Amino acid sequence: MIDVLYFAWVRERIGVAREAVETQAATAAELVAELAARDARYGAAFADTSALRVALDHKLSSFDAPLAGVREVAFFPPMTGG
């Protein structure tokens, strides 16, 4: 099981802020594919991964990063400072 967190418009499109997910995904990209296939809400949230960032166990990561040993995955839009 992996805890998956959704922030900002990702959370709004999916309708939940957090969920525990049972997955066989080896990478964050594979997890995205699994989630996007669930239903239209997830499909809309993950339609353009170039508009998303992913963090694995609180560390900004790439979508090809392995999930082995990861306990938490967070998806969020890019942030800007100012």
C-alpha atoms as a PDB file:
ATOM      1  CA  MET A   1       0.000   0.000   0.000  1.00  0.00           C
ATOM      2  CA  ILE A   2       1.118   3.495  -0.829  1.00  0.00           C
ATOM      3  CA  ASP A   3      -0.420   6.692   0.524  1.00  0.00           C
ATOM      4  CA  VAL A   4      -1.206   8.980  -2.398  1.00  0.00           C
ATOM      5  CA  LEU A   5      -1.762  12.690  -1.788  1.00  0.00           C
ATOM      6  CA  TYR A   6      -3.301  15.144  -4.237  1.00  0.00           C
ATOM      7  CA  PHE A   7      -2.883  18.916  -4.030  1.00  0.00           C
ATOM      8  CA  ALA A   8      -4.479  22.010  -5.622  1.00  0.00           C
ATOM      9  CA  TRP A   9      -6.388  21.373  -8.869  1.00  0.00           C
ATOM     10  CA  VAL A  10      -5.353  17.704  -8.870  1.00  0.00           C
ATOM     11  CA  ARG A  11      -7.300  17.241  -5.630  1.00  0.00           C
ATOM     12  CA  GLU A  12     -10.220  19.253  -7.019  1.00  0.00           C
ATOM     13  CA  ARG A  13     -10.483  17.112 -10.158  1.00  0.00           C
ATOM     14  CA  ILE A  14     -10.207  13.794  -8.339  1.00  0.00           C
ATOM     15  CA  GLY A  15     -12.348  14.804  -5.377  1.00  0.00           C
ATOM     16  CA  VAL A  16     -10.164  13.466  -2.565  1.00  0.00           C
ATOM     17  CA  ALA A  17      -7.067  14.797  -0.854  1.00  0.00           C
ATOM     18  CA  ARG A  18      -5.545  11.447   0.081  1.00  0.00           C
ATOM     19  CA  GLU A  19      -6.062   7.738  -0.370  1.00  0.00           C
ATOM     20  CA  ALA A  20      -4.286   4.460   0.244  1.00  0.00           C
ATOM     21  CA  VAL A  21      -3.597   2.696  -3.037  1.00  0.00           C
ATOM     22  CA  GLU A  22      -2.694  -0.924  -3.614  1.00  0.00           C
ATOM     23  CA  THR A  23      -0.453  -0.956  -6.665  1.00  0.00           C
ATOM     24  CA  GLN A  24       1.893  -3.131  -8.652  1.00  0.00           C
ATOM     25  CA  ALA A  25       3.434  -0.050 -10.316  1.00  0.00           C
ATOM     26  CA  ALA A  26       7.213  -0.010 -10.446  1.00  0.00           C
ATOM     27  CA  THR A  27       7.511   3.728 -11.142  1.00  0.00           C
ATOM     28  CA  ALA A  28       5.560   6.904 -10.517  1.00  0.00           C
ATOM     29  CA  ALA A  29       4.638   6.955 -14.225  1.00  0.00           C
ATOM     30  CA  GLU A  30       3.146   3.475 -13.968  1.00  0.00           C
ATOM     31  CA  LEU A  31       1.176   4.582 -10.900  1.00  0.00           C
ATOM     32  CA  VAL A  32      -0.163   7.546 -12.883  1.00  0.00           C
ATOM     33  CA  ALA A  33      -1.261   5.176 -15.659  1.00  0.00           C
ATOM     34  CA  GLU A  34      -3.045   2.932 -13.139  1.00  0.00           C
ATOM     35  CA  LEU A  35      -4.778   5.886 -11.521  1.00  0.00           C
ATOM     36  CA  ALA A  36      -5.745   7.521 -14.830  1.00  0.00           C
ATOM     37  CA  ALA A  37      -7.434   4.278 -15.914  1.00  0.00           C
ATOM     38  CA  ARG A  38      -9.705   4.247 -12.829  1.00  0.00           C
ATOM     39  CA  ASP A  39     -12.305   6.698 -14.129  1.00  0.00           C
ATOM     40  CA  ALA A  40     -12.802  10.040 -15.867  1.00  0.00           C
ATOM     41  CA  ARG A  41     -11.915  12.124 -12.800  1.00  0.00           C
ATOM     42  CA  TYR A  42      -8.478  10.549 -12.549  1.00  0.00           C
ATOM     43  CA  GLY A  43      -8.068  10.615 -16.309  1.00  0.00           C
ATOM     44  CA  ALA A  44      -8.701  14.369 -16.329  1.00  0.00           C
ATOM     45  CA  ALA A  45      -6.283  14.981 -13.462  1.00  0.00           C
ATOM     46  CA  PHE A  46      -3.479  12.995 -15.097  1.00  0.00           C
ATOM     47  CA  ALA A  47      -4.142  13.875 -18.752  1.00  0.00           C
ATOM     48  CA  ASP A  48      -1.037  16.080 -18.989  1.00  0.00           C
ATOM     49  CA  THR A  49       1.770  15.002 -16.671  1.00  0.00           C
ATOM     50  CA  SER A  50       3.947  17.850 -17.958  1.00  0.00           C
ATOM     51  CA  ALA A  51       1.648  20.060 -15.844  1.00  0.00           C
ATOM     52  CA  LEU A  52       2.343  17.971 -12.734  1.00  0.00           C
ATOM     53  CA  ARG A  53       5.116  17.364 -10.258  1.00  0.00           C
ATOM     54  CA  VAL A  54       5.589  14.288  -8.112  1.00  0.00           C
ATOM     55  CA  ALA A  55       7.229  13.857  -4.724  1.00  0.00           C
ATOM     56  CA  LEU A  56       8.179  10.475  -3.290  1.00  0.00           C
ATOM     57  CA  ASP A  57       8.457  10.403   0.491  1.00  0.00           C
ATOM     58  CA  HIS A  58       8.650  14.233   0.566  1.00  0.00           C
ATOM     59  CA  LYS A  59      11.393  14.483  -2.100  1.00  0.00           C
ATOM     60  CA  LEU A  60      10.750  16.026  -5.492  1.00  0.00           C
ATOM     61  CA  SER A  61      11.238  13.216  -8.011  1.00  0.00           C
ATOM     62  CA  SER A  62      10.808  12.342 -11.645  1.00  0.00           C
ATOM     63  CA  PHE A  63       7.983  10.246 -13.004  1.00  0.00           C
ATOM     64  CA  ASP A  64      10.436   7.489 -13.929  1.00  0.00           C
ATOM     65  CA  ALA A  65      11.610   7.189 -10.306  1.00  0.00           C
ATOM     66  CA  PRO A  66      11.131   3.729  -8.799  1.00  0.00           C
ATOM     67  CA  LEU A  67       8.461   3.181  -6.155  1.00  0.00           C
ATOM     68  CA  ALA A  68      10.281   0.361  -4.353  1.00  0.00           C
ATOM     69  CA  GLY A  69      10.240   1.174  -0.636  1.00  0.00           C
ATOM     70  CA  VAL A  70       8.229   4.375  -1.114  1.00  0.00           C
ATOM     71  CA  ARG A  71       5.454   4.952   1.411  1.00  0.00           C
ATOM     72  CA  GLU A  72       3.999   8.250   0.162  1.00  0.00           C
ATOM     73  CA  VAL A  73       3.493   9.743  -3.300  1.00  0.00           C
ATOM     74  CA  ALA A  74       2.249  13.311  -3.753  1.00  0.00           C
ATOM     75  CA  PHE A  75       1.004  14.887  -6.983  1.00  0.00           C
ATOM     76  CA  PHE A  76       0.778  18.657  -7.386  1.00  0.00           C
ATOM     77  CA  PRO A  77       1.068  21.409 -10.004  1.00  0.00           C
ATOM     78  CA  PRO A  78       4.328  23.316 -10.368  1.00  0.00           C
ATOM     79  CA  MET A  79       4.742  26.036  -7.784  1.00  0.00           C
ATOM     80  CA  THR A  80       6.113  29.496  -8.276  1.00  0.00           C
ATOM     81  CA  GLY A  81       7.621  31.835  -5.792  1.00  0.00           C
ATOM     82  CA  GLY A  82       7.247  35.501  -5.526  1.00  0.00           C
END
